[in-house]
Amino acid sequence: PNDNVIIIGDLNDKLDDIVDDNVFQYFIQDNANYQFVDIDIATGLYENYSWPGWGQNTYEAAHFDHILITSELFNKLIYSDSHVQTICLDEYSDIYYQYISDHRPVGLRLVLDP
């Protein structure tokens, strides 16, 4: 109960689904103990989504890759050098999605001791 926990990965679902269809609703409702630090990405501009919809017949970008932290780490997010972002590696390589991944990584930087 007192450990710093970070769950990170391709969780293959959206954070902003309606309540009845949201597989993450338990964690979202229990915001005293859990926080998706990428919620601003999930509810923001599609250009920052982890899955930009490459290779699809229609452009259906979505944010499926998430970072969940426990309350023991909440106070680390207040430091100005702590942040979360989608790392747009596709902007540096024309073959990124063909040979590496169809998802962009989502990174978290936490300042543990300022």
PDB file of N, CA and C in Angstrom:
ATOM      1  N   PRO A   1       0.796  -1.224   0.000  1.00  0.00           N
ATOM      2  CA  PRO A   1       0.000   0.000   0.000  1.00  0.00           C
ATOM      3  C   PRO A   1       0.834   1.283   0.000  1.00  0.00           C
ATOM      4  N   ASN A   2       2.119   1.209   0.322  1.00  0.00           N
ATOM      5  CA  ASN A   2       2.947   2.412   0.345  1.00  0.00           C
ATOM      6  C   ASN A   2       3.992   2.446  -0.761  1.00  0.00           C
ATOM      7  N   ASP A   3       3.941   1.501  -1.681  1.00  0.00           N
ATOM      8  CA  ASP A   3       4.926   1.433  -2.760  1.00  0.00           C
ATOM      9  C   ASP A   3       4.587   2.408  -3.874  1.00  0.00           C
ATOM     10  N   ASN A   4       5.633   2.943  -4.512  1.00  0.00           N
ATOM     11  CA  ASN A   4       5.469   3.729  -5.728  1.00  0.00           C
ATOM     12  C   ASN A   4       5.185   2.757  -6.863  1.00  0.00           C
ATOM     13  N   VAL A   5       4.033   2.908  -7.518  1.00  0.00           N
ATOM     14  CA  VAL A   5       3.663   1.998  -8.598  1.00  0.00           C
ATOM     15  C   VAL A   5       3.370   2.799  -9.854  1.00  0.00           C
ATOM     16  N   ILE A   6       3.948   2.338 -10.966  1.00  0.00           N
ATOM     17  CA  ILE A   6       3.679   2.902 -12.285  1.00  0.00           C
ATOM     18  C   ILE A   6       3.294   1.748 -13.196  1.00  0.00           C
ATOM     19  N   ILE A   7       2.137   1.871 -13.839  1.00  0.00           N
ATOM     20  CA  ILE A   7       1.706   0.902 -14.845  1.00  0.00           C
ATOM     21  C   ILE A   7       1.736   1.644 -16.170  1.00  0.00           C
ATOM     22  N   ILE A   8       2.476   1.092 -17.111  1.00  0.00           N
ATOM     23  CA  ILE A   8       2.659   1.773 -18.386  1.00  0.00           C
ATOM     24  C   ILE A   8       2.547   0.776 -19.520  1.00  0.00           C
ATOM     25  N   GLY A   9       1.865   1.173 -20.583  1.00  0.00           N
ATOM     26  CA  GLY A   9       1.820   0.275 -21.728  1.00  0.00           C
ATOM     27  C   GLY A   9       0.657   0.538 -22.659  1.00  0.00           C
ATOM     28  N   ASP A  10       0.585  -0.316 -23.648  1.00  0.00           N
ATOM     29  CA  ASP A  10      -0.505  -0.293 -24.613  1.00  0.00           C
ATOM     30  C   ASP A  10      -1.687  -1.005 -23.966  1.00  0.00           C
ATOM     31  N   LEU A  11      -2.577  -0.238 -23.362  1.00  0.00           N
ATOM     32  CA  LEU A  11      -3.720  -0.799 -22.655  1.00  0.00           C
ATOM     33  C   LEU A  11      -4.939  -0.956 -23.565  1.00  0.00           C
ATOM     34  N   ASN A  12      -4.769  -0.543 -24.816  1.00  0.00           N
ATOM     35  CA  ASN A  12      -5.699  -0.832 -25.906  1.00  0.00           C
ATOM     36  C   ASN A  12      -7.139  -0.385 -25.687  1.00  0.00           C
ATOM     37  N   ASP A  13      -7.304   0.700 -24.968  1.00  0.00           N
ATOM     38  CA  ASP A  13      -8.639   1.272 -24.808  1.00  0.00           C
ATOM     39  C   ASP A  13      -8.479   2.751 -24.498  1.00  0.00           C
ATOM     40  N   LYS A  14      -9.567   3.495 -24.668  1.00  0.00           N
ATOM     41  CA  LYS A  14      -9.519   4.940 -24.464  1.00  0.00           C
ATOM     42  C   LYS A  14      -9.949   5.310 -23.050  1.00  0.00           C
ATOM     43  N   LEU A  15      -9.339   6.352 -22.523  1.00  0.00           N
ATOM     44  CA  LEU A  15      -9.679   6.840 -21.188  1.00  0.00           C
ATOM     45  C   LEU A  15     -10.984   7.615 -21.167  1.00  0.00           C
ATOM     46  N   ASP A  16     -11.350   8.196 -22.292  1.00  0.00           N
ATOM     47  CA  ASP A  16     -12.511   9.082 -22.319  1.00  0.00           C
ATOM     48  C   ASP A  16     -13.781   8.420 -22.863  1.00  0.00           C
ATOM     49  N   ASP A  17     -13.831   7.076 -22.837  1.00  0.00           N
ATOM     50  CA  ASP A  17     -15.084   6.400 -23.179  1.00  0.00           C
ATOM     51  C   ASP A  17     -16.159   6.776 -22.164  1.00  0.00           C
ATOM     52  N   ILE A  18     -17.415   6.609 -22.553  1.00  0.00           N
ATOM     53  CA  ILE A  18     -18.505   6.890 -21.617  1.00  0.00           C
ATOM     54  C   ILE A  18     -18.400   5.937 -20.423  1.00  0.00           C
ATOM     55  N   VAL A  19     -18.935   6.335 -19.305  1.00  0.00           N
ATOM     56  CA  VAL A  19     -18.787   5.598 -18.045  1.00  0.00           C
ATOM     57  C   VAL A  19     -19.164   4.129 -18.186  1.00  0.00           C
ATOM     58  N   ASP A  20     -20.291   3.835 -18.820  1.00  0.00           N
ATOM     59  CA  ASP A  20     -20.753   2.447 -18.927  1.00  0.00           C
ATOM     60  C   ASP A  20     -19.841   1.569 -19.786  1.00  0.00           C
ATOM     61  N   ASP A  21     -19.057   2.187 -20.664  1.00  0.00           N
ATOM     62  CA  ASP A  21     -18.170   1.439 -21.556  1.00  0.00           C
ATOM     63  C   ASP A  21     -16.699   1.605 -21.210  1.00  0.00           C
ATOM     64  N   ASN A  22     -16.402   2.280 -20.113  1.00  0.00           N
ATOM     65  CA  ASN A  22     -15.019   2.610 -19.795  1.00  0.00           C
ATOM     66  C   ASN A  22     -14.394   1.532 -18.902  1.00  0.00           C
ATOM     67  N   VAL A  23     -13.437   0.788 -19.465  1.00  0.00           N
ATOM     68  CA  VAL A  23     -12.791  -0.285 -18.707  1.00  0.00           C
ATOM     69  C   VAL A  23     -11.902   0.260 -17.594  1.00  0.00           C
ATOM     70  N   PHE A  24     -11.586   1.538 -17.638  1.00  0.00           N
ATOM     71  CA  PHE A  24     -10.727   2.164 -16.636  1.00  0.00           C
ATOM     72  C   PHE A  24     -11.513   2.910 -15.564  1.00  0.00           C
ATOM     73  N   GLN A  25     -12.821   2.802 -15.584  1.00  0.00           N
ATOM     74  CA  GLN A  25     -13.662   3.605 -14.702  1.00  0.00           C
ATOM     75  C   GLN A  25     -13.317   3.435 -13.223  1.00  0.00           C
ATOM     76  N   TYR A  26     -12.981   2.247 -12.787  1.00  0.00           N
ATOM     77  CA  TYR A  26     -12.616   2.019 -11.384  1.00  0.00           C
ATOM     78  C   TYR A  26     -11.451   2.926 -10.980  1.00  0.00           C
ATOM     79  N   PHE A  27     -10.415   2.986 -11.813  1.00  0.00           N
ATOM     80  CA  PHE A  27      -9.232   3.796 -11.511  1.00  0.00           C
ATOM     81  C   PHE A  27      -9.530   5.295 -11.622  1.00  0.00           C
ATOM     82  N   ILE A  28     -10.334   5.657 -12.599  1.00  0.00           N
ATOM     83  CA  ILE A  28     -10.688   7.068 -12.786  1.00  0.00           C
ATOM     84  C   ILE A  28     -11.505   7.571 -11.594  1.00  0.00           C
ATOM     85  N   GLN A  29     -12.448   6.771 -11.130  1.00  0.00           N
ATOM     86  CA  GLN A  29     -13.277   7.173  -9.993  1.00  0.00           C
ATOM     87  C   GLN A  29     -12.487   7.210  -8.695  1.00  0.00           C
ATOM     88  N   ASP A  30     -11.505   6.350  -8.552  1.00  0.00           N
ATOM     89  CA  ASP A  30     -10.697   6.300  -7.332  1.00  0.00           C
ATOM     90  C   ASP A  30      -9.478   7.215  -7.485  1.00  0.00           C
ATOM     91  N   ASN A  31      -9.758   8.491  -7.740  1.00  0.00           N
ATOM     92  CA  ASN A  31      -8.674   9.455  -8.002  1.00  0.00           C
ATOM     93  C   ASN A  31      -7.890   9.835  -6.750  1.00  0.00           C
ATOM     94  N   ALA A  32      -8.266   9.337  -5.603  1.00  0.00           N
ATOM     95  CA  ALA A  32      -7.453   9.525  -4.399  1.00  0.00           C
ATOM     96  C   ALA A  32      -6.264   8.567  -4.386  1.00  0.00           C
ATOM     97  N   ASN A  33      -6.378   7.468  -5.128  1.00  0.00           N
ATOM     98  CA  ASN A  33      -5.330   6.451  -5.132  1.00  0.00           C
ATOM     99  C   ASN A  33      -4.648   6.244  -6.478  1.00  0.00           C
ATOM    100  N   TYR A  34      -5.330   6.633  -7.578  1.00  0.00           N
ATOM    101  CA  TYR A  34      -4.801   6.384  -8.918  1.00  0.00           C
ATOM    102  C   TYR A  34      -4.946   7.628  -9.784  1.00  0.00           C
ATOM    103  N   GLN A  35      -4.035   7.758 -10.722  1.00  0.00           N
ATOM    104  CA  GLN A  35      -4.131   8.857 -11.681  1.00  0.00           C
ATOM    105  C   GLN A  35      -3.511   8.431 -13.002  1.00  0.00           C
ATOM    106  N   PHE A  36      -4.270   8.610 -14.080  1.00  0.00           N
ATOM    107  CA  PHE A  36      -3.712   8.465 -15.413  1.00  0.00           C
ATOM    108  C   PHE A  36      -3.035   9.785 -15.753  1.00  0.00           C
ATOM    109  N   VAL A  37      -1.729   9.779 -15.782  1.00  0.00           N
ATOM    110  CA  VAL A  37      -1.009  11.035 -16.009  1.00  0.00           C
ATOM    111  C   VAL A  37      -1.105  11.491 -17.457  1.00  0.00           C
ATOM    112  N   ASP A  38      -1.583  10.640 -18.342  1.00  0.00           N
ATOM    113  CA  ASP A  38      -1.723  10.995 -19.752  1.00  0.00           C
ATOM    114  C   ASP A  38      -3.149  11.417 -20.116  1.00  0.00           C
ATOM    115  N   ILE A  39      -3.977  11.715 -19.133  1.00  0.00           N
ATOM    116  CA  ILE A  39      -5.373  12.083 -19.400  1.00  0.00           C
ATOM    117  C   ILE A  39      -5.481  13.318 -20.293  1.00  0.00           C
ATOM    118  N   ASP A  40      -4.563  14.272 -20.144  1.00  0.00           N
ATOM    119  CA  ASP A  40      -4.606  15.464 -20.994  1.00  0.00           C
ATOM    120  C   ASP A  40      -4.305  15.128 -22.454  1.00  0.00           C
ATOM    121  N   ILE A  41      -3.474  14.137 -22.681  1.00  0.00           N
ATOM    122  CA  ILE A  41      -3.225  13.681 -24.047  1.00  0.00           C
ATOM    123  C   ILE A  41      -4.484  13.014 -24.586  1.00  0.00           C
ATOM    124  N   ALA A  42      -5.084  12.151 -23.783  1.00  0.00           N
ATOM    125  CA  ALA A  42      -6.268  11.395 -24.200  1.00  0.00           C
ATOM    126  C   ALA A  42      -7.451  12.294 -24.530  1.00  0.00           C
ATOM    127  N   THR A  43      -7.544  13.427 -23.868  1.00  0.00           N
ATOM    128  CA  THR A  43      -8.680  14.332 -24.090  1.00  0.00           C
ATOM    129  C   THR A  43      -8.273  15.564 -24.899  1.00  0.00           C
ATOM    130  N   GLY A  44      -7.050  15.550 -25.401  1.00  0.00           N
ATOM    131  CA  GLY A  44      -6.535  16.699 -26.138  1.00  0.00           C
ATOM    132  C   GLY A  44      -6.561  16.512 -27.643  1.00  0.00           C
ATOM    133  N   LEU A  45      -5.625  17.160 -28.298  1.00  0.00           N
ATOM    134  CA  LEU A  45      -5.540  17.147 -29.754  1.00  0.00           C
ATOM    135  C   LEU A  45      -5.098  15.787 -30.287  1.00  0.00           C
ATOM    136  N   TYR A  46      -5.717  15.339 -31.359  1.00  0.00           N
ATOM    137  CA  TYR A  46      -5.388  14.023 -31.913  1.00  0.00           C
ATOM    138  C   TYR A  46      -3.949  13.937 -32.392  1.00  0.00           C
ATOM    139  N   GLU A  47      -3.329  15.050 -32.703  1.00  0.00           N
ATOM    140  CA  GLU A  47      -1.935  15.050 -33.150  1.00  0.00           C
ATOM    141  C   GLU A  47      -0.996  14.488 -32.076  1.00  0.00           C
ATOM    142  N   ASN A  48      -1.431  14.505 -30.827  1.00  0.00           N
ATOM    143  CA  ASN A  48      -0.609  14.011 -29.727  1.00  0.00           C
ATOM    144  C   ASN A  48      -0.973  12.598 -29.286  1.00  0.00           C
ATOM    145  N   TYR A  49      -1.936  11.976 -29.935  1.00  0.00           N
ATOM    146  CA  TYR A  49      -2.347  10.624 -29.573  1.00  0.00           C
ATOM    147  C   TYR A  49      -1.223   9.624 -29.842  1.00  0.00           C
ATOM    148  N   SER A  50      -1.224   8.542 -29.095  1.00  0.00           N
ATOM    149  CA  SER A  50      -0.197   7.521 -29.263  1.00  0.00           C
ATOM    150  C   SER A  50      -0.431   6.650 -30.502  1.00  0.00           C
ATOM    151  N   TRP A  51      -1.652   6.550 -30.947  1.00  0.00           N
ATOM    152  CA  TRP A  51      -1.950   5.794 -32.166  1.00  0.00           C
ATOM    153  C   TRP A  51      -2.604   6.735 -33.163  1.00  0.00           C
ATOM    154  N   PRO A  52      -1.821   7.233 -34.118  1.00  0.00           N
ATOM    155  CA  PRO A  52      -2.359   8.239 -35.040  1.00  0.00           C
ATOM    156  C   PRO A  52      -3.192   7.672 -36.182  1.00  0.00           C
ATOM    157  N   GLY A  53      -3.448   6.372 -36.206  1.00  0.00           N
ATOM    158  CA  GLY A  53      -4.308   5.795 -37.235  1.00  0.00           C
ATOM    159  C   GLY A  53      -3.597   5.481 -38.528  1.00  0.00           C
ATOM    160  N   TRP A  54      -2.301   5.261 -38.457  1.00  0.00           N
ATOM    161  CA  TRP A  54      -1.535   4.959 -39.673  1.00  0.00           C
ATOM    162  C   TRP A  54      -2.075   3.753 -40.404  1.00  0.00           C
ATOM    163  N   GLY A  55      -2.054   3.841 -41.730  1.00  0.00           N
ATOM    164  CA  GLY A  55      -2.384   2.695 -42.569  1.00  0.00           C
ATOM    165  C   GLY A  55      -3.850   2.311 -42.575  1.00  0.00           C
ATOM    166  N   GLN A  56      -4.699   3.114 -42.036  1.00  0.00           N
ATOM    167  CA  GLN A  56      -6.122   2.797 -42.002  1.00  0.00           C
ATOM    168  C   GLN A  56      -6.822   3.424 -43.212  1.00  0.00           C
ATOM    169  N   ASN A  57      -7.954   2.825 -43.597  1.00  0.00           N
ATOM    170  CA  ASN A  57      -8.733   3.394 -44.692  1.00  0.00           C
ATOM    171  C   ASN A  57      -9.303   4.752 -44.307  1.00  0.00           C
ATOM    172  N   THR A  58      -9.634   4.897 -43.040  1.00  0.00           N
ATOM    173  CA  THR A  58     -10.097   6.188 -42.537  1.00  0.00           C
ATOM    174  C   THR A  58      -9.188   6.591 -41.390  1.00  0.00           C
ATOM    175  N   TYR A  59      -9.052   7.849 -41.199  1.00  0.00           N
ATOM    176  CA  TYR A  59      -8.173   8.362 -40.148  1.00  0.00           C
ATOM    177  C   TYR A  59      -8.911   8.321 -38.819  1.00  0.00           C
ATOM    178  N   GLU A  60      -8.582   7.336 -38.007  1.00  0.00           N
ATOM    179  CA  GLU A  60      -9.259   7.151 -36.722  1.00  0.00           C
ATOM    180  C   GLU A  60      -8.234   7.179 -35.585  1.00  0.00           C
ATOM    181  N   ALA A  61      -7.581   8.265 -35.406  1.00  0.00           N
ATOM    182  CA  ALA A  61      -6.569   8.383 -34.354  1.00  0.00           C
ATOM    183  C   ALA A  61      -7.200   8.153 -32.985  1.00  0.00           C
ATOM    184  N   ALA A  62      -6.404   7.591 -32.076  1.00  0.00           N
ATOM    185  CA  ALA A  62      -6.869   7.341 -30.712  1.00  0.00           C
ATOM    186  C   ALA A  62      -5.668   7.280 -29.782  1.00  0.00           C
ATOM    187  N   HIS A  63      -5.934   7.445 -28.528  1.00  0.00           N
ATOM    188  CA  HIS A  63      -4.871   7.361 -27.522  1.00  0.00           C
ATOM    189  C   HIS A  63      -5.104   6.104 -26.693  1.00  0.00           C
ATOM    190  N   PHE A  64      -4.300   5.051 -26.959  1.00  0.00           N
ATOM    191  CA  PHE A  64      -4.448   3.747 -26.320  1.00  0.00           C
ATOM    192  C   PHE A  64      -3.347   3.430 -25.321  1.00  0.00           C
ATOM    193  N   ASP A  65      -2.282   4.187 -25.326  1.00  0.00           N
ATOM    194  CA  ASP A  65      -1.100   3.879 -24.521  1.00  0.00           C
ATOM    195  C   ASP A  65      -1.095   4.799 -23.312  1.00  0.00           C
ATOM    196  N   HIS A  66      -1.117   4.213 -22.121  1.00  0.00           N
ATOM    197  CA  HIS A  66      -1.364   5.001 -20.925  1.00  0.00           C
ATOM    198  C   HIS A  66      -0.301   4.797 -19.847  1.00  0.00           C
ATOM    199  N   ILE A  67      -0.286   5.757 -18.932  1.00  0.00           N
ATOM    200  CA  ILE A  67       0.570   5.676 -17.756  1.00  0.00           C
ATOM    201  C   ILE A  67      -0.299   5.947 -16.538  1.00  0.00           C
ATOM    202  N   LEU A  68      -0.393   4.950 -15.672  1.00  0.00           N
ATOM    203  CA  LEU A  68      -1.166   5.048 -14.438  1.00  0.00           C
ATOM    204  C   LEU A  68      -0.193   5.043 -13.269  1.00  0.00           C
ATOM    205  N   ILE A  69      -0.363   5.990 -12.359  1.00  0.00           N
ATOM    206  CA  ILE A  69       0.483   6.017 -11.163  1.00  0.00           C
ATOM    207  C   ILE A  69      -0.396   5.930  -9.919  1.00  0.00           C
ATOM    208  N   THR A  70       0.234   5.526  -8.823  1.00  0.00           N
ATOM    209  CA  THR A  70      -0.482   5.482  -7.550  1.00  0.00           C
ATOM    210  C   THR A  70      -0.207   6.753  -6.757  1.00  0.00           C
ATOM    211  N   SER A  71      -0.994   6.963  -5.738  1.00  0.00           N
ATOM    212  CA  SER A  71      -0.974   8.208  -4.965  1.00  0.00           C
ATOM    213  C   SER A  71       0.380   8.526  -4.356  1.00  0.00           C
ATOM    214  N   GLU A  72       1.198   7.512  -4.132  1.00  0.00           N
ATOM    215  CA  GLU A  72       2.525   7.756  -3.557  1.00  0.00           C
ATOM    216  C   GLU A  72       3.395   8.618  -4.465  1.00  0.00           C
ATOM    217  N   LEU A  73       3.030   8.727  -5.743  1.00  0.00           N
ATOM    218  CA  LEU A  73       3.806   9.520  -6.703  1.00  0.00           C
ATOM    219  C   LEU A  73       3.143  10.843  -7.082  1.00  0.00           C
ATOM    220  N   PHE A  74       1.926  11.084  -6.611  1.00  0.00           N
ATOM    221  CA  PHE A  74       1.204  12.301  -6.992  1.00  0.00           C
ATOM    222  C   PHE A  74       2.018  13.562  -6.730  1.00  0.00           C
ATOM    223  N   ASN A  75       2.687  13.634  -5.595  1.00  0.00           N
ATOM    224  CA  ASN A  75       3.409  14.858  -5.248  1.00  0.00           C
ATOM    225  C   ASN A  75       4.625  15.086  -6.147  1.00  0.00           C
ATOM    226  N   LYS A  76       5.044  14.094  -6.905  1.00  0.00           N
ATOM    227  CA  LYS A  76       6.175  14.261  -7.824  1.00  0.00           C
ATOM    228  C   LYS A  76       5.755  14.992  -9.096  1.00  0.00           C
ATOM    229  N   LEU A  77       4.471  14.997  -9.392  1.00  0.00           N
ATOM    230  CA  LEU A  77       3.980  15.654 -10.599  1.00  0.00           C
ATOM    231  C   LEU A  77       3.957  17.175 -10.487  1.00  0.00           C
ATOM    232  N   ILE A  78       4.044  17.698  -9.284  1.00  0.00           N
ATOM    233  CA  ILE A  78       3.940  19.143  -9.110  1.00  0.00           C
ATOM    234  C   ILE A  78       5.206  19.884  -9.523  1.00  0.00           C
ATOM    235  N   TYR A  79       6.322  19.191  -9.636  1.00  0.00           N
ATOM    236  CA  TYR A  79       7.575  19.845 -10.005  1.00  0.00           C
ATOM    237  C   TYR A  79       7.557  20.208 -11.481  1.00  0.00           C
ATOM    238  N   SER A  80       8.087  21.369 -11.807  1.00  0.00           N
ATOM    239  CA  SER A  80       8.012  21.868 -13.177  1.00  0.00           C
ATOM    240  C   SER A  80       8.766  20.994 -14.175  1.00  0.00           C
ATOM    241  N   ASP A  81       9.751  20.247 -13.731  1.00  0.00           N
ATOM    242  CA  ASP A  81      10.486  19.371 -14.640  1.00  0.00           C
ATOM    243  C   ASP A  81       9.829  18.011 -14.829  1.00  0.00           C
ATOM    244  N   SER A  82       8.747  17.749 -14.132  1.00  0.00           N
ATOM    245  CA  SER A  82       7.993  16.511 -14.319  1.00  0.00           C
ATOM    246  C   SER A  82       6.958  16.740 -15.412  1.00  0.00           C
ATOM    247  N   HIS A  83       6.879  15.818 -16.354  1.00  0.00           N
ATOM    248  CA  HIS A  83       5.860  15.941 -17.397  1.00  0.00           C
ATOM    249  C   HIS A  83       5.665  14.616 -18.121  1.00  0.00           C
ATOM    250  N   VAL A  84       4.577  14.556 -18.870  1.00  0.00           N
ATOM    251  CA  VAL A  84       4.248  13.392 -19.683  1.00  0.00           C
ATOM    252  C   VAL A  84       4.007  13.876 -21.104  1.00  0.00           C
ATOM    253  N   GLN A  85       4.406  13.063 -22.077  1.00  0.00           N
ATOM    254  CA  GLN A  85       4.165  13.444 -23.465  1.00  0.00           C
ATOM    255  C   GLN A  85       4.245  12.221 -24.370  1.00  0.00           C
ATOM    256  N   THR A  86       3.579  12.330 -25.497  1.00  0.00           N
ATOM    257  CA  THR A  86       3.748  11.344 -26.550  1.00  0.00           C
ATOM    258  C   THR A  86       5.030  11.705 -27.282  1.00  0.00           C
ATOM    259  N   ILE A  87       5.868  10.716 -27.495  1.00  0.00           N
ATOM    260  CA  ILE A  87       7.144  10.940 -28.168  1.00  0.00           C
ATOM    261  C   ILE A  87       6.933  10.615 -29.644  1.00  0.00           C
ATOM    262  N   CYS A  88       6.901  11.630 -30.469  1.00  0.00           N
ATOM    263  CA  CYS A  88       6.540  11.496 -31.884  1.00  0.00           C
ATOM    264  C   CYS A  88       7.757  11.096 -32.719  1.00  0.00           C
ATOM    265  N   LEU A  89       8.188   9.857 -32.540  1.00  0.00           N
ATOM    266  CA  LEU A  89       9.358   9.362 -33.271  1.00  0.00           C
ATOM    267  C   LEU A  89       9.130   9.322 -34.770  1.00  0.00           C
ATOM    268  N   ASP A  90       7.873   9.249 -35.176  1.00  0.00           N
ATOM    269  CA  ASP A  90       7.555   9.250 -36.598  1.00  0.00           C
ATOM    270  C   ASP A  90       7.946  10.556 -37.277  1.00  0.00           C
ATOM    271  N   GLU A  91       8.127  11.609 -36.514  1.00  0.00           N
ATOM    272  CA  GLU A  91       8.560  12.884 -37.090  1.00  0.00           C
ATOM    273  C   GLU A  91      10.034  12.853 -37.477  1.00  0.00           C
ATOM    274  N   TYR A  92      10.753  11.838 -37.028  1.00  0.00           N
ATOM    275  CA  TYR A  92      12.180  11.728 -37.302  1.00  0.00           C
ATOM    276  C   TYR A  92      12.512  10.599 -38.262  1.00  0.00           C
ATOM    277  N   SER A  93      11.532   9.785 -38.615  1.00  0.00           N
ATOM    278  CA  SER A  93      11.777   8.654 -39.504  1.00  0.00           C
ATOM    279  C   SER A  93      10.543   8.392 -40.358  1.00  0.00           C
ATOM    280  N   ASP A  94      10.708   8.334 -41.655  1.00  0.00           N
ATOM    281  CA  ASP A  94       9.598   8.063 -42.566  1.00  0.00           C
ATOM    282  C   ASP A  94       9.147   6.608 -42.515  1.00  0.00           C
ATOM    283  N   ILE A  95       9.964   5.736 -41.950  1.00  0.00           N
ATOM    284  CA  ILE A  95       9.648   4.310 -41.924  1.00  0.00           C
ATOM    285  C   ILE A  95       9.297   3.809 -40.525  1.00  0.00           C
ATOM    286  N   TYR A  96       9.083   4.727 -39.601  1.00  0.00           N
ATOM    287  CA  TYR A  96       8.831   4.340 -38.208  1.00  0.00           C
ATOM    288  C   TYR A  96       7.695   3.332 -38.091  1.00  0.00           C
ATOM    289  N   TYR A  97       6.533   3.674 -38.605  1.00  0.00           N
ATOM    290  CA  TYR A  97       5.384   2.794 -38.388  1.00  0.00           C
ATOM    291  C   TYR A  97       5.484   1.503 -39.199  1.00  0.00           C
ATOM    292  N   GLN A  98       6.229   1.488 -40.274  1.00  0.00           N
ATOM    293  CA  GLN A  98       6.361   0.283 -41.090  1.00  0.00           C
ATOM    294  C   GLN A  98       7.257  -0.772 -40.436  1.00  0.00           C
ATOM    295  N   TYR A  99       8.282  -0.314 -39.713  1.00  0.00           N
ATOM    296  CA  TYR A  99       9.272  -1.261 -39.216  1.00  0.00           C
ATOM    297  C   TYR A  99       9.419  -1.309 -37.693  1.00  0.00           C
ATOM    298  N   ILE A 100       8.903  -0.321 -36.990  1.00  0.00           N
ATOM    299  CA  ILE A 100       9.113  -0.289 -35.544  1.00  0.00           C
ATOM    300  C   ILE A 100       7.813  -0.528 -34.793  1.00  0.00           C
ATOM    301  N   SER A 101       6.821   0.310 -34.983  1.00  0.00           N
ATOM    302  CA  SER A 101       5.557   0.155 -34.263  1.00  0.00           C
ATOM    303  C   SER A 101       4.477   1.000 -34.917  1.00  0.00           C
ATOM    304  N   ASP A 102       3.233   0.581 -34.735  1.00  0.00           N
ATOM    305  CA  ASP A 102       2.125   1.418 -35.190  1.00  0.00           C
ATOM    306  C   ASP A 102       1.646   2.335 -34.069  1.00  0.00           C
ATOM    307  N   HIS A 103       2.344   2.315 -32.938  1.00  0.00           N
ATOM    308  CA  HIS A 103       2.054   3.208 -31.812  1.00  0.00           C
ATOM    309  C   HIS A 103       3.282   4.053 -31.511  1.00  0.00           C
ATOM    310  N   ARG A 104       3.019   5.247 -31.044  1.00  0.00           N
ATOM    311  CA  ARG A 104       4.099   6.109 -30.543  1.00  0.00           C
ATOM    312  C   ARG A 104       4.255   5.848 -29.043  1.00  0.00           C
ATOM    313  N   PRO A 105       5.479   5.918 -28.535  1.00  0.00           N
ATOM    314  CA  PRO A 105       5.652   5.752 -27.089  1.00  0.00           C
ATOM    315  C   PRO A 105       5.139   6.972 -26.319  1.00  0.00           C
ATOM    316  N   VAL A 106       4.685   6.725 -25.115  1.00  0.00           N
ATOM    317  CA  VAL A 106       4.287   7.791 -24.200  1.00  0.00           C
ATOM    318  C   VAL A 106       5.291   7.767 -23.060  1.00  0.00           C
ATOM    319  N   GLY A 107       5.880   8.917 -22.785  1.00  0.00           N
ATOM    320  CA  GLY A 107       6.913   8.981 -21.758  1.00  0.00           C
ATOM    321  C   GLY A 107       6.497   9.814 -20.565  1.00  0.00           C
ATOM    322  N   LEU A 108       7.049   9.468 -19.431  1.00  0.00           N
ATOM    323  CA  LEU A 108       6.813  10.189 -18.188  1.00  0.00           C
ATOM    324  C   LEU A 108       8.153  10.526 -17.559  1.00  0.00           C
ATOM    325  N   ARG A 109       8.310  11.775 -17.216  1.00  0.00           N
ATOM    326  CA  ARG A 109       9.489  12.191 -16.464  1.00  0.00           C
ATOM    327  C   ARG A 109       9.008  12.689 -15.111  1.00  0.00           C
ATOM    328  N   LEU A 110       9.459  12.034 -14.065  1.00  0.00           N
ATOM    329  CA  LEU A 110       9.118  12.428 -12.708  1.00  0.00           C
ATOM    330  C   LEU A 110      10.393  12.889 -11.994  1.00  0.00           C
ATOM    331  N   VAL A 111      10.332  14.023 -11.383  1.00  0.00           N
ATOM    332  CA  VAL A 111      11.430  14.510 -10.583  1.00  0.00           C
ATOM    333  C   VAL A 111      11.230  13.963  -9.164  1.00  0.00           C
ATOM    334  N   LEU A 112      12.095  13.071  -8.759  1.00  0.00           N
ATOM    335  CA  LEU A 112      11.926  12.409  -7.472  1.00  0.00           C
ATOM    336  C   LEU A 112      12.474  13.244  -6.321  1.00  0.00           C
ATOM    337  N   ASP A 113      13.607  13.909  -6.527  1.00  0.00           N
ATOM    338  CA  ASP A 113      14.205  14.756  -5.507  1.00  0.00           C
ATOM    339  C   ASP A 113      14.680  16.057  -6.148  1.00  0.00           C
ATOM    340  N   PRO A 114      13.875  17.110  -6.081  1.00  0.00           N
ATOM    341  CA  PRO A 114      14.282  18.365  -6.745  1.00  0.00           C
ATOM    342  C   PRO A 114      15.473  19.019  -6.060  1.00  0.00           C
TER     343      PRO A 114
END
